[in-house]
């Protein structure tokens, strides 16, 4: 389990580093890509979970874009007994590109992994609040649903920071 946790943390750091390089290469007028990191109190129907991770998103055309993230979710009392989650998503950002509030919706595919793997879909939405040109607050709700059983959900209210 320690290997999975270490690998999930290393992948999170790699994604964040790539996002930072991408964001730093942009001029102030090019605000089409950003990275983020989050922590989320989460749950299933019966278990309180903690979910943390990070990723990046970019707008390709008129608010429509793509994103990816890697994270780790585990029972709050047994952090060594969790799952890795890797997602690739579509994203739509509402409003002006230069606005302080950037509400969004997102959804896509999630690969859950531990000793084996299983498929999930995810959907959610939230807002990035840019309190500085390159740094902001991210608030989001996200739900991951197993494709083999729509009864298994991992949902959470995320809080984190976003940067470009």
Protein backbone atom coordinates (compact mmCIF):
# COMPACT_ATOMS: atom_id res chain seq x y z
CA UNK A 1 0.00 0.00 0.00
CA UNK A 2 2.87 2.36 0.76
CA UNK A 3 4.05 1.91 -2.82
CA UNK A 4 0.64 2.98 -4.21
CA UNK A 5 0.53 6.02 -1.91
CA UNK A 6 4.10 6.98 -2.83
CA UNK A 7 3.36 6.57 -6.57
CA UNK A 8 0.16 8.62 -6.31
CA UNK A 9 2.04 11.39 -4.50
CA UNK A 10 4.87 11.33 -7.06
CA UNK A 11 2.37 11.52 -9.95
CA UNK A 12 0.63 14.46 -8.24
CA UNK A 13 3.94 16.29 -7.92
CA UNK A 14 4.78 15.61 -11.59
CA UNK A 15 1.40 16.93 -12.76
CA UNK A 16 1.76 20.03 -10.59
CA UNK A 17 5.28 20.68 -11.91
CA UNK A 18 4.13 20.30 -15.53
CA UNK A 19 1.21 22.63 -14.84
CA UNK A 20 3.56 25.22 -13.32
CA UNK A 21 5.86 25.14 -16.35
CA UNK A 22 2.89 25.45 -18.71
CA UNK A 23 1.40 28.30 -16.71
CA UNK A 24 4.67 30.20 -16.39
CA UNK A 25 5.19 30.12 -20.17
CA UNK A 26 2.00 32.11 -20.74
CA UNK A 27 1.71 35.85 -20.99
CA UNK A 28 -0.85 37.72 -18.90
CA UNK A 29 -3.24 37.74 -21.88
CA UNK A 30 -3.07 33.96 -22.31
CA UNK A 31 -5.11 32.53 -19.46
CA UNK A 32 -6.20 29.33 -21.12
CA UNK A 33 -4.52 26.77 -18.83
CA UNK A 34 -4.15 26.32 -15.08
CA UNK A 35 -3.17 23.77 -12.51
CA UNK A 36 -4.78 22.98 -9.18
CA UNK A 37 -4.34 21.03 -5.96
CA UNK A 38 -7.12 20.07 -3.57
CA UNK A 39 -8.17 18.26 -0.44
CA UNK A 40 -11.71 17.01 0.00
CA UNK A 41 -13.75 15.54 2.79
CA UNK A 42 -15.48 12.80 0.83
CA UNK A 43 -17.66 9.82 1.36
CA UNK A 44 -19.48 6.79 0.15
CA UNK A 45 -22.85 5.76 1.52
CA UNK A 46 -21.21 4.37 4.65
CA UNK A 47 -17.64 5.68 5.00
CA UNK A 48 -16.07 9.10 5.64
CA UNK A 49 -13.13 9.54 3.27
CA UNK A 50 -10.32 12.00 2.61
CA UNK A 51 -9.43 12.70 -1.01
CA UNK A 52 -6.45 14.75 -2.14
CA UNK A 53 -4.73 15.33 -5.44
CA UNK A 54 -4.04 17.73 -8.24
CA UNK A 55 -4.26 18.26 -11.95
CA UNK A 56 -4.55 20.73 -14.74
CA UNK A 57 -7.12 22.07 -17.20
CA UNK A 58 -7.04 24.10 -20.36
CA UNK A 59 -9.63 25.83 -22.50
CA UNK A 60 -9.32 24.96 -26.18
CA UNK A 61 -12.28 26.78 -27.74
CA UNK A 62 -14.86 29.23 -26.33
CA UNK A 63 -14.94 27.84 -22.78
CA UNK A 64 -14.68 24.20 -23.84
CA UNK A 65 -11.55 22.38 -22.72
CA UNK A 66 -9.88 19.28 -21.35
CA UNK A 67 -8.32 18.35 -18.03
CA UNK A 68 -6.62 15.58 -16.14
CA UNK A 69 -5.85 14.79 -12.53
CA UNK A 70 -4.39 12.21 -10.20
CA UNK A 71 -5.43 11.69 -6.60
CA UNK A 72 -5.69 9.37 -3.65
CA UNK A 73 -8.82 8.63 -1.60
CA UNK A 74 -8.94 6.64 1.63
CA UNK A 75 -10.99 6.18 4.78
CA UNK A 76 -10.12 9.00 7.18
CA UNK A 77 -9.16 6.53 9.92
CA UNK A 78 -7.21 4.20 7.61
CA UNK A 79 -5.22 6.36 5.19
CA UNK A 80 -3.08 3.39 4.14
CA UNK A 81 -6.18 1.57 2.84
CA UNK A 82 -7.18 3.72 -0.13
CA UNK A 83 -7.45 3.94 -3.89
CA UNK A 84 -5.59 5.89 -6.52
CA UNK A 85 -7.82 7.78 -8.96
CA UNK A 86 -6.64 9.04 -12.35
CA UNK A 87 -9.11 11.05 -14.46
CA UNK A 88 -9.34 12.65 -17.87
CA UNK A 89 -12.22 15.07 -18.31
CA UNK A 90 -13.97 17.52 -20.50
CA UNK A 91 -14.50 20.93 -18.91
CA UNK A 92 -16.64 23.94 -19.73
CA UNK A 93 -15.80 27.31 -18.16
CA UNK A 94 -18.55 29.94 -18.07
CA UNK A 95 -18.06 33.69 -18.30
CA UNK A 96 -15.22 35.95 -19.33
CA UNK A 97 -11.69 34.64 -19.58
CA UNK A 98 -10.40 37.63 -17.56
CA UNK A 99 -13.04 37.52 -14.81
CA UNK A 100 -12.30 36.91 -11.15
CA UNK A 101 -15.02 34.23 -10.89
CA UNK A 102 -14.73 31.33 -13.31
CA UNK A 103 -17.56 28.82 -12.74
CA UNK A 104 -17.14 25.47 -14.48
CA UNK A 105 -18.64 22.03 -15.02
CA UNK A 106 -16.62 18.92 -15.69
CA UNK A 107 -17.07 15.23 -16.37
CA UNK A 108 -15.23 12.26 -17.78
CA UNK A 109 -13.49 8.95 -17.18
CA UNK A 110 -11.76 7.80 -13.98
CA UNK A 111 -9.49 4.80 -13.55
CA UNK A 112 -9.47 3.57 -9.94
CA UNK A 113 -6.47 1.47 -8.96
CA UNK A 114 -5.03 -0.41 -6.01
CA UNK A 115 -4.20 -4.12 -6.41
CA UNK A 116 -6.25 -4.14 -9.61
CA UNK A 117 -8.25 -1.53 -11.52
CA UNK A 118 -11.86 -0.64 -12.18
CA UNK A 119 -13.61 1.96 -14.31
CA UNK A 120 -15.60 4.93 -13.11
CA UNK A 121 -17.16 8.06 -14.54
CA UNK A 122 -17.06 11.41 -12.79
CA UNK A 123 -18.97 14.66 -12.95
CA UNK A 124 -19.08 17.87 -11.00
CA UNK A 125 -18.78 21.59 -10.99
CA UNK A 126 -17.47 24.50 -9.05
CA UNK A 127 -15.74 27.83 -9.28
CA UNK A 128 -12.21 29.16 -9.49
CA UNK A 129 -11.91 32.54 -7.77
CA UNK A 130 -8.80 34.39 -8.96
CA UNK A 131 -7.78 36.69 -6.11
CA UNK A 132 -4.48 37.40 -7.85
CA UNK A 133 -3.46 37.30 -11.50
CA UNK A 134 -1.86 33.86 -11.16
CA UNK A 135 -3.24 32.39 -7.89
CA UNK A 136 -6.77 31.55 -6.85
CA UNK A 137 -9.11 29.52 -4.73
CA UNK A 138 -10.89 26.45 -6.13
CA UNK A 139 -14.17 25.16 -4.68
CA UNK A 140 -15.82 22.16 -6.28
CA UNK A 141 -18.20 19.24 -5.86
CA UNK A 142 -17.22 16.01 -7.66
CA UNK A 143 -18.88 12.58 -7.79
CA UNK A 144 -17.14 9.42 -9.03
CA UNK A 145 -19.50 6.56 -9.94
CA UNK A 146 -18.40 2.98 -10.63
CA UNK A 147 -19.50 1.81 -14.08
CA UNK A 148 -20.03 -1.75 -12.84
CA UNK A 149 -22.46 -0.59 -10.12
CA UNK A 150 -24.20 2.76 -10.04
CA UNK A 151 -24.69 2.18 -6.32
CA UNK A 152 -20.99 2.84 -5.57
CA UNK A 153 -20.20 6.58 -5.42
CA UNK A 154 -17.24 8.52 -4.10
CA UNK A 155 -18.40 12.09 -3.72
CA UNK A 156 -16.70 15.07 -2.15
CA UNK A 157 -16.61 18.80 -1.61
CA UNK A 158 -13.17 19.97 -2.68
CA UNK A 159 -11.24 23.02 -1.55
CA UNK A 160 -7.85 23.95 -2.87
CA UNK A 161 -5.78 26.42 -4.79
CA UNK A 162 -5.39 27.03 -8.48
CA UNK A 163 -2.51 28.65 -10.30
CA UNK A 164 -1.50 29.73 -13.80
